[in-house]
Amino acid sequence: MKPLETLLEQAEALRREWHDLPKRTDSALLKGDKDALLDAQIRERQIPYEFLLNLKQRAEAVAEMIRADIEAVAQQREAVRAKLVAVIEALEKAWRELEPLQRQWCELGGSSEDQPLYQLQRGGFVYVCDNRQSRLRSELETVEDALRNLEPLLKGVGEGESKAIVMARQALQDGGESLPAVRNYLAIERHYITREHQP
């Protein structure tokens, strides 16, 4: 699979070629260059398909990155679980030693002003967690939704369906923003582009 950055460069090259295509066609007509005119007409048909295919490949690349992140988070969680179990066991052991000493301290007239006193209580966890696993799974679902929407559009362009071709050409113009499922995917893609450029 090609790196995301390479696929983005290909997408920009396709968009530039699409933008320059009317000039190529006009130049071929003026010169009477049948080969150049035929090539421009062929590219007019190919570029929208290639752009959609590029979008699909980018989404597949990002999906793989997200799956790798999900796996990494799962491994980190297991490592933290092992440490957490050890710390809780140590805490409970310390509590079994601390609680009778604190009780004895109070019975002997000691106060919490002279010595800090603690209370250990099991209960609900009140810390607000940014659940990376859930966020990543949500991102993956968005990317997979884009892939599901791109598949029939690619097929339609390949089979020459006029509506699909119009949608693909519009996507070429706006980078894919006109396709709702792709627009949602692009927001996630931007995050992964930024991450790829971080040292």
C-alpha atoms as a PDB file:
ATOM      1  CA  MET A   1       0.000   0.000   0.000  1.00  0.00           C
ATOM      2  CA  LYS A   2       1.302   3.451  -0.930  1.00  0.00           C
ATOM      3  CA  PRO A   3       1.992   5.975   1.845  1.00  0.00           C
ATOM      4  CA  LEU A   4      -0.713   8.577   2.392  1.00  0.00           C
ATOM      5  CA  GLU A   5       1.616  11.419   1.419  1.00  0.00           C
ATOM      6  CA  THR A   6       2.335   9.803  -1.981  1.00  0.00           C
ATOM      7  CA  LEU A   7      -1.391   9.309  -2.602  1.00  0.00           C
ATOM      8  CA  LEU A   8      -2.069  12.955  -1.753  1.00  0.00           C
ATOM      9  CA  GLU A   9       0.595  14.062  -4.231  1.00  0.00           C
ATOM     10  CA  GLN A  10      -1.065  11.890  -6.883  1.00  0.00           C
ATOM     11  CA  ALA A  11      -4.443  13.446  -6.083  1.00  0.00           C
ATOM     12  CA  GLU A  12      -3.042  16.946  -6.544  1.00  0.00           C
ATOM     13  CA  ALA A  13      -1.393  15.924  -9.828  1.00  0.00           C
ATOM     14  CA  LEU A  14      -4.745  14.587 -11.083  1.00  0.00           C
ATOM     15  CA  ARG A  15      -6.505  17.795 -10.079  1.00  0.00           C
ATOM     16  CA  ARG A  16      -3.871  19.910 -11.862  1.00  0.00           C
ATOM     17  CA  GLU A  17      -4.166  17.746 -14.967  1.00  0.00           C
ATOM     18  CA  TRP A  18      -7.960  18.087 -14.864  1.00  0.00           C
ATOM     19  CA  HIS A  19      -7.660  21.855 -14.526  1.00  0.00           C
ATOM     20  CA  ASP A  20      -5.279  22.023 -17.531  1.00  0.00           C
ATOM     21  CA  LEU A  21      -7.323  19.643 -19.696  1.00  0.00           C
ATOM     22  CA  PRO A  22      -9.442  22.337 -21.450  1.00  0.00           C
ATOM     23  CA  LYS A  23      -6.229  24.116 -22.554  1.00  0.00           C
ATOM     24  CA  ARG A  24      -4.805  20.832 -23.865  1.00  0.00           C
ATOM     25  CA  THR A  25      -8.019  20.134 -25.784  1.00  0.00           C
ATOM     26  CA  ASP A  26      -8.124  23.650 -27.221  1.00  0.00           C
ATOM     27  CA  SER A  27      -4.459  23.497 -28.212  1.00  0.00           C
ATOM     28  CA  ALA A  28      -4.966  20.124 -29.930  1.00  0.00           C
ATOM     29  CA  LEU A  29      -7.988  21.492 -31.834  1.00  0.00           C
ATOM     30  CA  LEU A  30      -6.095  24.595 -32.962  1.00  0.00           C
ATOM     31  CA  LYS A  31      -3.144  22.539 -34.176  1.00  0.00           C
ATOM     32  CA  GLY A  32      -5.322  19.862 -35.711  1.00  0.00           C
ATOM     33  CA  ASP A  33      -3.383  17.301 -33.687  1.00  0.00           C
ATOM     34  CA  LYS A  34      -5.702  14.291 -33.702  1.00  0.00           C
ATOM     35  CA  ASP A  35      -3.478  12.238 -31.396  1.00  0.00           C
ATOM     36  CA  ALA A  36      -3.311  15.025 -28.786  1.00  0.00           C
ATOM     37  CA  LEU A  37      -7.074  15.587 -29.080  1.00  0.00           C
ATOM     38  CA  LEU A  38      -7.791  11.878 -28.652  1.00  0.00           C
ATOM     39  CA  ASP A  39      -5.427  11.750 -25.662  1.00  0.00           C
ATOM     40  CA  ALA A  40      -7.216  14.729 -24.049  1.00  0.00           C
ATOM     41  CA  GLN A  41     -10.617  13.096 -24.621  1.00  0.00           C
ATOM     42  CA  ILE A  42      -9.386   9.830 -23.119  1.00  0.00           C
ATOM     43  CA  ARG A  43      -7.971  11.648 -20.086  1.00  0.00           C
ATOM     44  CA  GLU A  44     -11.272  13.519 -19.664  1.00  0.00           C
ATOM     45  CA  ARG A  45     -12.886  10.130 -19.153  1.00  0.00           C
ATOM     46  CA  GLN A  46     -10.056   8.583 -17.083  1.00  0.00           C
ATOM     47  CA  ILE A  47      -9.176  11.340 -14.612  1.00  0.00           C
ATOM     48  CA  PRO A  48     -12.488  11.343 -12.641  1.00  0.00           C
ATOM     49  CA  TYR A  49     -12.215   7.569 -12.224  1.00  0.00           C
ATOM     50  CA  GLU A  50      -8.561   7.772 -11.197  1.00  0.00           C
ATOM     51  CA  PHE A  51      -9.376  10.510  -8.676  1.00  0.00           C
ATOM     52  CA  LEU A  52     -12.107   8.392  -7.052  1.00  0.00           C
ATOM     53  CA  LEU A  53      -9.751   5.420  -7.009  1.00  0.00           C
ATOM     54  CA  ASN A  54      -7.142   7.650  -5.344  1.00  0.00           C
ATOM     55  CA  LEU A  55      -9.697   8.705  -2.701  1.00  0.00           C
ATOM     56  CA  LYS A  56     -10.465   5.037  -2.062  1.00  0.00           C
ATOM     57  CA  GLN A  57      -6.773   4.177  -1.702  1.00  0.00           C
ATOM     58  CA  ARG A  58      -6.274   7.098   0.699  1.00  0.00           C
ATOM     59  CA  ALA A  59      -9.227   5.952   2.815  1.00  0.00           C
ATOM     60  CA  GLU A  60      -7.832   2.407   2.856  1.00  0.00           C
ATOM     61  CA  ALA A  61      -4.422   3.751   3.962  1.00  0.00           C
ATOM     62  CA  VAL A  62      -5.996   5.806   6.766  1.00  0.00           C
ATOM     63  CA  ALA A  63      -8.139   2.816   7.818  1.00  0.00           C
ATOM     64  CA  GLU A  64      -4.949   0.758   8.174  1.00  0.00           C
ATOM     65  CA  MET A  65      -3.358   3.519  10.260  1.00  0.00           C
ATOM     66  CA  ILE A  66      -6.414   3.640  12.528  1.00  0.00           C
ATOM     67  CA  ARG A  67      -6.446  -0.167  12.907  1.00  0.00           C
ATOM     68  CA  ALA A  68      -2.765  -0.036  13.879  1.00  0.00           C
ATOM     69  CA  ASP A  69      -3.598   2.682  16.444  1.00  0.00           C
ATOM     70  CA  ILE A  70      -6.454   0.569  17.860  1.00  0.00           C
ATOM     71  CA  GLU A  71      -4.071  -2.378  18.245  1.00  0.00           C
ATOM     72  CA  ALA A  72      -1.406  -0.164  19.874  1.00  0.00           C
ATOM     73  CA  VAL A  73      -3.965   1.232  22.329  1.00  0.00           C
ATOM     74  CA  ALA A  74      -5.109  -2.303  23.199  1.00  0.00           C
ATOM     75  CA  GLN A  75      -1.500  -3.321  23.932  1.00  0.00           C
ATOM     76  CA  GLN A  76      -0.918  -0.186  26.016  1.00  0.00           C
ATOM     77  CA  ARG A  77      -4.121  -0.869  27.938  1.00  0.00           C
ATOM     78  CA  GLU A  78      -2.936  -4.384  28.837  1.00  0.00           C
ATOM     79  CA  ALA A  79       0.432  -3.018  30.025  1.00  0.00           C
ATOM     80  CA  VAL A  80      -1.315  -0.382  32.154  1.00  0.00           C
ATOM     81  CA  ARG A  81      -3.743  -3.012  33.513  1.00  0.00           C
ATOM     82  CA  ALA A  82      -0.796  -5.077  34.816  1.00  0.00           C
ATOM     83  CA  LYS A  83       0.708  -2.012  36.529  1.00  0.00           C
ATOM     84  CA  LEU A  84      -2.684  -0.958  37.913  1.00  0.00           C
ATOM     85  CA  VAL A  85      -3.320  -4.397  39.441  1.00  0.00           C
ATOM     86  CA  ALA A  86       0.108  -4.288  41.136  1.00  0.00           C
ATOM     87  CA  VAL A  87      -0.464  -0.754  42.482  1.00  0.00           C
ATOM     88  CA  ILE A  88      -3.959  -1.615  43.777  1.00  0.00           C
ATOM     89  CA  GLU A  89      -2.585  -4.681  45.561  1.00  0.00           C
ATOM     90  CA  ALA A  90       0.157  -2.519  47.133  1.00  0.00           C
ATOM     91  CA  LEU A  91      -2.428   0.122  48.085  1.00  0.00           C
ATOM     92  CA  GLU A  92      -4.718  -2.421  49.722  1.00  0.00           C
ATOM     93  CA  LYS A  93      -1.768  -3.911  51.628  1.00  0.00           C
ATOM     94  CA  ALA A  94      -0.725  -0.435  52.792  1.00  0.00           C
ATOM     95  CA  TRP A  95      -4.326   0.302  53.795  1.00  0.00           C
ATOM     96  CA  ARG A  96      -4.481  -2.825  55.957  1.00  0.00           C
ATOM     97  CA  GLU A  97      -1.451  -1.449  57.830  1.00  0.00           C
ATOM     98  CA  LEU A  98      -2.566   2.180  57.830  1.00  0.00           C
ATOM     99  CA  GLU A  99      -6.175   1.851  58.985  1.00  0.00           C
ATOM    100  CA  PRO A 100      -5.477   0.368  62.466  1.00  0.00           C
ATOM    101  CA  LEU A 101      -2.654   2.877  63.038  1.00  0.00           C
ATOM    102  CA  GLN A 102      -4.948   5.794  62.183  1.00  0.00           C
ATOM    103  CA  ARG A 103      -7.642   4.414  64.495  1.00  0.00           C
ATOM    104  CA  GLN A 104      -5.073   4.049  67.267  1.00  0.00           C
ATOM    105  CA  TRP A 105      -3.805   7.598  66.582  1.00  0.00           C
ATOM    106  CA  CYS A 106      -7.307   9.007  67.012  1.00  0.00           C
ATOM    107  CA  GLU A 107      -7.921   6.972  70.178  1.00  0.00           C
ATOM    108  CA  LEU A 108      -4.715   8.431  71.653  1.00  0.00           C
ATOM    109  CA  GLY A 109      -5.933  11.971  71.012  1.00  0.00           C
ATOM    110  CA  GLY A 110      -4.104  12.603  67.744  1.00  0.00           C
ATOM    111  CA  SER A 111      -5.750  14.853  65.167  1.00  0.00           C
ATOM    112  CA  SER A 112      -5.646  15.249  61.397  1.00  0.00           C
ATOM    113  CA  GLU A 113      -4.011  18.659  61.935  1.00  0.00           C
ATOM    114  CA  ASP A 114      -0.980  16.988  63.503  1.00  0.00           C
ATOM    115  CA  GLN A 115      -0.973  14.026  61.145  1.00  0.00           C
ATOM    116  CA  PRO A 116      -2.867  13.736  57.819  1.00  0.00           C
ATOM    117  CA  LEU A 117      -5.469  10.974  57.943  1.00  0.00           C
ATOM    118  CA  TYR A 118      -6.773   9.090  54.930  1.00  0.00           C
ATOM    119  CA  GLN A 119      -9.894   7.215  54.071  1.00  0.00           C
ATOM    120  CA  LEU A 120      -9.891   4.504  51.393  1.00  0.00           C
ATOM    121  CA  GLN A 121     -13.178   3.828  49.676  1.00  0.00           C
ATOM    122  CA  ARG A 122     -14.029   1.826  46.607  1.00  0.00           C
ATOM    123  CA  GLY A 123     -16.483   3.541  44.285  1.00  0.00           C
ATOM    124  CA  GLY A 124     -17.194   4.821  40.808  1.00  0.00           C
ATOM    125  CA  PHE A 125     -14.342   6.369  38.905  1.00  0.00           C
ATOM    126  CA  VAL A 126     -15.051  10.105  38.640  1.00  0.00           C
ATOM    127  CA  TYR A 127     -12.144  11.034  36.368  1.00  0.00           C
ATOM    128  CA  VAL A 128     -13.385  12.055  32.905  1.00  0.00           C
ATOM    129  CA  CYS A 129     -11.590   9.848  30.398  1.00  0.00           C
ATOM    130  CA  ASP A 130     -10.848  10.691  26.779  1.00  0.00           C
ATOM    131  CA  ASN A 131     -11.525   7.159  25.590  1.00  0.00           C
ATOM    132  CA  ARG A 132      -9.051   6.817  22.719  1.00  0.00           C
ATOM    133  CA  GLN A 133     -10.291   3.341  21.834  1.00  0.00           C
ATOM    134  CA  SER A 134     -13.885   4.558  21.309  1.00  0.00           C
ATOM    135  CA  ARG A 135     -12.729   7.618  19.370  1.00  0.00           C
ATOM    136  CA  LEU A 136     -10.559   5.490  17.080  1.00  0.00           C
ATOM    137  CA  ARG A 137     -13.390   3.009  16.472  1.00  0.00           C
ATOM    138  CA  SER A 138     -15.689   5.915  15.583  1.00  0.00           C
ATOM    139  CA  GLU A 139     -13.086   7.283  13.160  1.00  0.00           C
ATOM    140  CA  LEU A 140     -12.698   3.841  11.595  1.00  0.00           C
ATOM    141  CA  GLU A 141     -16.464   3.599  11.078  1.00  0.00           C
ATOM    142  CA  THR A 142     -16.428   7.014   9.330  1.00  0.00           C
ATOM    143  CA  VAL A 143     -13.597   5.884   7.031  1.00  0.00           C
ATOM    144  CA  GLU A 144     -15.354   2.587   6.276  1.00  0.00           C
ATOM    145  CA  ASP A 145     -18.558   4.522   5.491  1.00  0.00           C
ATOM    146  CA  ALA A 146     -16.615   6.594   2.939  1.00  0.00           C
ATOM    147  CA  LEU A 147     -15.248   3.396   1.387  1.00  0.00           C
ATOM    148  CA  ARG A 148     -18.774   1.914   1.169  1.00  0.00           C
ATOM    149  CA  ASN A 149     -19.980   5.075  -0.594  1.00  0.00           C
ATOM    150  CA  LEU A 150     -17.022   5.269  -2.980  1.00  0.00           C
ATOM    151  CA  GLU A 151     -17.407   1.689  -4.237  1.00  0.00           C
ATOM    152  CA  PRO A 152     -20.708   2.129  -6.147  1.00  0.00           C
ATOM    153  CA  LEU A 153     -19.612   5.545  -7.413  1.00  0.00           C
ATOM    154  CA  LEU A 154     -16.398   4.056  -8.814  1.00  0.00           C
ATOM    155  CA  LYS A 155     -18.422   1.290 -10.424  1.00  0.00           C
ATOM    156  CA  GLY A 156     -20.822   3.832 -11.919  1.00  0.00           C
ATOM    157  CA  VAL A 157     -18.017   5.930 -13.407  1.00  0.00           C
ATOM    158  CA  GLY A 158     -16.380   2.783 -14.757  1.00  0.00           C
ATOM    159  CA  GLU A 159     -19.634   1.779 -16.434  1.00  0.00           C
ATOM    160  CA  GLY A 160     -20.195   5.256 -17.880  1.00  0.00           C
ATOM    161  CA  GLU A 161     -23.226   6.294 -15.782  1.00  0.00           C
ATOM    162  CA  SER A 162     -23.718   9.990 -16.438  1.00  0.00           C
ATOM    163  CA  LYS A 163     -24.834  10.855 -12.867  1.00  0.00           C
ATOM    164  CA  ALA A 164     -21.800   9.101 -11.371  1.00  0.00           C
ATOM    165  CA  ILE A 165     -19.477  10.865 -13.842  1.00  0.00           C
ATOM    166  CA  VAL A 166     -20.970  14.266 -12.936  1.00  0.00           C
ATOM    167  CA  MET A 167     -20.480  13.506  -9.217  1.00  0.00           C
ATOM    168  CA  ALA A 168     -16.889  12.369  -9.817  1.00  0.00           C
ATOM    169  CA  ARG A 169     -16.098  15.515 -11.811  1.00  0.00           C
ATOM    170  CA  GLN A 170     -17.528  17.692  -9.038  1.00  0.00           C
ATOM    171  CA  ALA A 171     -15.435  15.770  -6.492  1.00  0.00           C
ATOM    172  CA  LEU A 172     -12.373  16.491  -8.641  1.00  0.00           C
ATOM    173  CA  GLN A 173     -13.172  20.206  -8.542  1.00  0.00           C
ATOM    174  CA  ASP A 174     -13.621  20.405  -4.766  1.00  0.00           C
ATOM    175  CA  GLY A 175     -11.251  17.670  -3.601  1.00  0.00           C
ATOM    176  CA  GLY A 176     -14.091  15.348  -2.592  1.00  0.00           C
ATOM    177  CA  GLU A 177     -15.972  17.789  -0.333  1.00  0.00           C
ATOM    178  CA  SER A 178     -19.175  17.462  -2.416  1.00  0.00           C
ATOM    179  CA  LEU A 179     -19.496  13.787  -1.416  1.00  0.00           C
ATOM    180  CA  PRO A 180     -20.919  13.808   2.160  1.00  0.00           C
ATOM    181  CA  ALA A 181     -19.348  10.522   3.320  1.00  0.00           C
ATOM    182  CA  VAL A 182     -16.012  11.565   1.810  1.00  0.00           C
ATOM    183  CA  ARG A 183     -16.221  15.009   3.430  1.00  0.00           C
ATOM    184  CA  ASN A 184     -16.492  13.319   6.846  1.00  0.00           C
ATOM    185  CA  TYR A 185     -13.555  11.093   5.967  1.00  0.00           C
ATOM    186  CA  LEU A 186     -11.418  14.062   4.824  1.00  0.00           C
ATOM    187  CA  ALA A 187     -11.618  15.632   8.294  1.00  0.00           C
ATOM    188  CA  ILE A 188     -10.041  12.459   9.710  1.00  0.00           C
ATOM    189  CA  GLU A 189      -7.508  12.274   6.875  1.00  0.00           C
ATOM    190  CA  ARG A 190      -6.277  15.803   7.717  1.00  0.00           C
ATOM    191  CA  HIS A 191      -5.452  14.614  11.245  1.00  0.00           C
ATOM    192  CA  TYR A 192      -3.392  11.714   9.896  1.00  0.00           C
ATOM    193  CA  ILE A 193      -1.585  13.950   7.394  1.00  0.00           C
ATOM    194  CA  THR A 194      -0.557  16.243  10.254  1.00  0.00           C
ATOM    195  CA  ARG A 195       0.562  13.247  12.293  1.00  0.00           C
ATOM    196  CA  GLU A 196       2.680  11.879   9.425  1.00  0.00           C
ATOM    197  CA  HIS A 197       4.595  15.167   9.320  1.00  0.00           C
ATOM    198  CA  GLN A 198       5.382  15.175  13.049  1.00  0.00           C
ATOM    199  CA  PRO A 199       8.956  14.081  13.916  1.00  0.00           C
END
